[in-house]
Amino acid sequence: MKKCAALFSIALFLALAGCNTVKGVGQDVQKAGSAIENAAKK
């Protein structure tokens, strides 16, 4: 039972870390797109 709970906890932690990483990449891409758009307007 302890092994199962530990594996579940590790899997949950990795899933949450992956979501934060993807979210961060999305924000970076969005900021880069905004910078390119602003440069094009000038």
PDB file of N, CA and C in Angstrom:
ATOM      1  N   MET A   1       0.827  -1.201   0.000  1.00  0.00           N
ATOM      2  CA  MET A   1       0.000   0.000   0.000  1.00  0.00           C
ATOM      3  C   MET A   1       0.868   1.259   0.000  1.00  0.00           C
ATOM      4  N   LYS A   2       1.951   1.249   0.781  1.00  0.00           N
ATOM      5  CA  LYS A   2       2.830   2.412   0.837  1.00  0.00           C
ATOM      6  C   LYS A   2       3.506   2.658  -0.506  1.00  0.00           C
ATOM      7  N   LYS A   3       3.899   1.568  -1.193  1.00  0.00           N
ATOM      8  CA  LYS A   3       4.546   1.709  -2.499  1.00  0.00           C
ATOM      9  C   LYS A   3       3.588   2.334  -3.502  1.00  0.00           C
ATOM     10  N   CYS A   4       2.343   1.908  -3.460  1.00  0.00           N
ATOM     11  CA  CYS A   4       1.338   2.428  -4.381  1.00  0.00           C
ATOM     12  C   CYS A   4       1.105   3.923  -4.131  1.00  0.00           C
ATOM     13  N   ALA A   5       1.018   4.312  -2.886  1.00  0.00           N
ATOM     14  CA  ALA A   5       0.814   5.718  -2.540  1.00  0.00           C
ATOM     15  C   ALA A   5       2.029   6.554  -2.947  1.00  0.00           C
ATOM     16  N   ALA A   6       3.217   6.023  -2.758  1.00  0.00           N
ATOM     17  CA  ALA A   6       4.432   6.738  -3.133  1.00  0.00           C
ATOM     18  C   ALA A   6       4.511   6.918  -4.647  1.00  0.00           C
ATOM     19  N   LEU A   7       4.199   5.877  -5.390  1.00  0.00           N
ATOM     20  CA  LEU A   7       4.217   5.973  -6.852  1.00  0.00           C
ATOM     21  C   LEU A   7       3.173   6.967  -7.346  1.00  0.00           C
ATOM     22  N   PHE A   8       2.004   6.954  -6.745  1.00  0.00           N
ATOM     23  CA  PHE A   8       0.952   7.898  -7.118  1.00  0.00           C
ATOM     24  C   PHE A   8       1.389   9.333  -6.831  1.00  0.00           C
ATOM     25  N   SER A   9       2.019   9.556  -5.688  1.00  0.00           N
ATOM     26  CA  SER A   9       2.494  10.887  -5.327  1.00  0.00           C
ATOM     27  C   SER A   9       3.553  11.383  -6.297  1.00  0.00           C
ATOM     28  N   ILE A  10       4.466  10.519  -6.668  1.00  0.00           N
ATOM     29  CA  ILE A  10       5.524  10.890  -7.615  1.00  0.00           C
ATOM     30  C   ILE A  10       4.922  11.207  -8.980  1.00  0.00           C
ATOM     31  N   ALA A  11       3.981  10.388  -9.424  1.00  0.00           N
ATOM     32  CA  ALA A  11       3.336  10.619 -10.722  1.00  0.00           C
ATOM     33  C   ALA A  11       2.566  11.939 -10.718  1.00  0.00           C
ATOM     34  N   LEU A  12       1.887  12.237  -9.636  1.00  0.00           N
ATOM     35  CA  LEU A  12       1.144  13.489  -9.520  1.00  0.00           C
ATOM     36  C   LEU A  12       2.090  14.684  -9.552  1.00  0.00           C
ATOM     37  N   PHE A  13       3.196  14.581  -8.830  1.00  0.00           N
ATOM     38  CA  PHE A  13       4.192  15.655  -8.805  1.00  0.00           C
ATOM     39  C   PHE A  13       4.754  15.901 -10.204  1.00  0.00           C
ATOM     40  N   LEU A  14       5.092  14.853 -10.923  1.00  0.00           N
ATOM     41  CA  LEU A  14       5.640  14.999 -12.271  1.00  0.00           C
ATOM     42  C   LEU A  14       4.606  15.588 -13.226  1.00  0.00           C
ATOM     43  N   ALA A  15       3.358  15.209 -13.089  1.00  0.00           N
ATOM     44  CA  ALA A  15       2.301  15.752 -13.946  1.00  0.00           C
ATOM     45  C   ALA A  15       2.129  17.243 -13.693  1.00  0.00           C
ATOM     46  N   LEU A  16       2.140  17.642 -12.434  1.00  0.00           N
ATOM     47  CA  LEU A  16       1.996  19.065 -12.111  1.00  0.00           C
ATOM     48  C   LEU A  16       3.207  19.862 -12.586  1.00  0.00           C
ATOM     49  N   ALA A  17       4.387  19.309 -12.443  1.00  0.00           N
ATOM     50  CA  ALA A  17       5.596  19.990 -12.903  1.00  0.00           C
ATOM     51  C   ALA A  17       5.566  20.142 -14.414  1.00  0.00           C
ATOM     52  N   GLY A  18       5.092  19.132 -15.113  1.00  0.00           N
ATOM     53  CA  GLY A  18       4.990  19.196 -16.571  1.00  0.00           C
ATOM     54  C   GLY A  18       4.003  20.261 -17.014  1.00  0.00           C
ATOM     55  N   CYS A  19       2.891  20.389 -16.314  1.00  0.00           N
ATOM     56  CA  CYS A  19       1.901  21.404 -16.669  1.00  0.00           C
ATOM     57  C   CYS A  19       2.484  22.802 -16.482  1.00  0.00           C
ATOM     58  N   ASN A  20       3.202  23.014 -15.396  1.00  0.00           N
ATOM     59  CA  ASN A  20       3.806  24.317 -15.161  1.00  0.00           C
ATOM     60  C   ASN A  20       4.850  24.624 -16.226  1.00  0.00           C
ATOM     61  N   THR A  21       5.590  23.631 -16.650  1.00  0.00           N
ATOM     62  CA  THR A  21       6.612  23.835 -17.675  1.00  0.00           C
ATOM     63  C   THR A  21       5.961  24.220 -18.997  1.00  0.00           C
ATOM     64  N   VAL A  22       4.926  23.523 -19.388  1.00  0.00           N
ATOM     65  CA  VAL A  22       4.229  23.819 -20.645  1.00  0.00           C
ATOM     66  C   VAL A  22       3.594  25.202 -20.569  1.00  0.00           C
ATOM     67  N   LYS A  23       3.031  25.533 -19.422  1.00  0.00           N
ATOM     68  CA  LYS A  23       2.422  26.854 -19.249  1.00  0.00           C
ATOM     69  C   LYS A  23       3.481  27.943 -19.391  1.00  0.00           C
ATOM     70  N   GLY A  24       4.643  27.736 -18.807  1.00  0.00           N
ATOM     71  CA  GLY A  24       5.723  28.714 -18.897  1.00  0.00           C
ATOM     72  C   GLY A  24       6.213  28.899 -20.322  1.00  0.00           C
ATOM     73  N   VAL A  25       6.324  27.810 -21.049  1.00  0.00           N
ATOM     74  CA  VAL A  25       6.745  27.892 -22.457  1.00  0.00           C
ATOM     75  C   VAL A  25       5.704  28.664 -23.254  1.00  0.00           C
ATOM     76  N   GLY A  26       4.448  28.411 -22.991  1.00  0.00           N
ATOM     77  CA  GLY A  26       3.372  29.126 -23.682  1.00  0.00           C
ATOM     78  C   GLY A  26       3.426  30.620 -23.425  1.00  0.00           C
ATOM     79  N   GLN A  27       3.719  30.993 -22.196  1.00  0.00           N
ATOM     80  CA  GLN A  27       3.826  32.415 -21.861  1.00  0.00           C
ATOM     81  C   GLN A  27       5.033  33.041 -22.554  1.00  0.00           C
ATOM     82  N   ASP A  28       6.134  32.324 -22.614  1.00  0.00           N
ATOM     83  CA  ASP A  28       7.324  32.838 -23.291  1.00  0.00           C
ATOM     84  C   ASP A  28       7.063  33.049 -24.777  1.00  0.00           C
ATOM     85  N   VAL A  29       6.394  32.103 -25.404  1.00  0.00           N
ATOM     86  CA  VAL A  29       6.081  32.215 -26.831  1.00  0.00           C
ATOM     87  C   VAL A  29       5.137  33.391 -27.058  1.00  0.00           C
ATOM     88  N   GLN A  30       4.186  33.567 -26.162  1.00  0.00           N
ATOM     89  CA  GLN A  30       3.243  34.673 -26.291  1.00  0.00           C
ATOM     90  C   GLN A  30       3.970  36.014 -26.174  1.00  0.00           C
ATOM     91  N   LYS A  31       4.895  36.130 -25.236  1.00  0.00           N
ATOM     92  CA  LYS A  31       5.660  37.371 -25.076  1.00  0.00           C
ATOM     93  C   LYS A  31       6.527  37.644 -26.302  1.00  0.00           C
ATOM     94  N   ALA A  32       7.126  36.599 -26.850  1.00  0.00           N
ATOM     95  CA  ALA A  32       7.944  36.758 -28.046  1.00  0.00           C
ATOM     96  C   ALA A  32       7.078  37.207 -29.225  1.00  0.00           C
ATOM     97  N   GLY A  33       5.909  36.644 -29.357  1.00  0.00           N
ATOM     98  CA  GLY A  33       4.986  37.051 -30.413  1.00  0.00           C
ATOM     99  C   GLY A  33       4.566  38.499 -30.266  1.00  0.00           C
ATOM    100  N   SER A  34       4.316  38.919 -29.036  1.00  0.00           N
ATOM    101  CA  SER A  34       3.944  40.316 -28.790  1.00  0.00           C
ATOM    102  C   SER A  34       5.085  41.252 -29.158  1.00  0.00           C
ATOM    103  N   ALA A  35       6.313  40.871 -28.831  1.00  0.00           N
ATOM    104  CA  ALA A  35       7.468  41.695 -29.155  1.00  0.00           C
ATOM    105  C   ALA A  35       7.630  41.831 -30.671  1.00  0.00           C
ATOM    106  N   ILE A  36       7.448  40.747 -31.387  1.00  0.00           N
ATOM    107  CA  ILE A  36       7.560  40.769 -32.863  1.00  0.00           C
ATOM    108  C   ILE A  36       6.440  41.647 -33.443  1.00  0.00           C
ATOM    109  N   GLU A  37       5.251  41.513 -32.890  1.00  0.00           N
ATOM    110  CA  GLU A  37       4.128  42.307 -33.393  1.00  0.00           C
ATOM    111  C   GLU A  37       4.367  43.794 -33.152  1.00  0.00           C
ATOM    112  N   ASN A  38       4.876  44.158 -31.983  1.00  0.00           N
ATOM    113  CA  ASN A  38       5.169  45.555 -31.677  1.00  0.00           C
ATOM    114  C   ASN A  38       6.271  46.095 -32.592  1.00  0.00           C
ATOM    115  N   ALA A  39       7.274  45.279 -32.867  1.00  0.00           N
ATOM    116  CA  ALA A  39       8.350  45.709 -33.748  1.00  0.00           C
ATOM    117  C   ALA A  39       7.830  45.917 -35.174  1.00  0.00           C
ATOM    118  N   ALA A  40       6.893  45.094 -35.589  1.00  0.00           N
ATOM    119  CA  ALA A  40       6.334  45.225 -36.927  1.00  0.00           C
ATOM    120  C   ALA A  40       5.481  46.486 -37.058  1.00  0.00           C
ATOM    121  N   LYS A  41       4.846  46.899 -35.974  1.00  0.00           N
ATOM    122  CA  LYS A  41       4.007  48.101 -36.004  1.00  0.00           C
ATOM    123  C   LYS A  41       4.848  49.369 -36.133  1.00  0.00           C
ATOM    124  N   LYS A  42       6.089  49.334 -35.681  1.00  0.00           N
ATOM    125  CA  LYS A  42       6.960  50.513 -35.736  1.00  0.00           C
ATOM    126  C   LYS A  42       7.426  50.680 -37.114  1.00  0.00           C
TER     127      LYS A  42
END
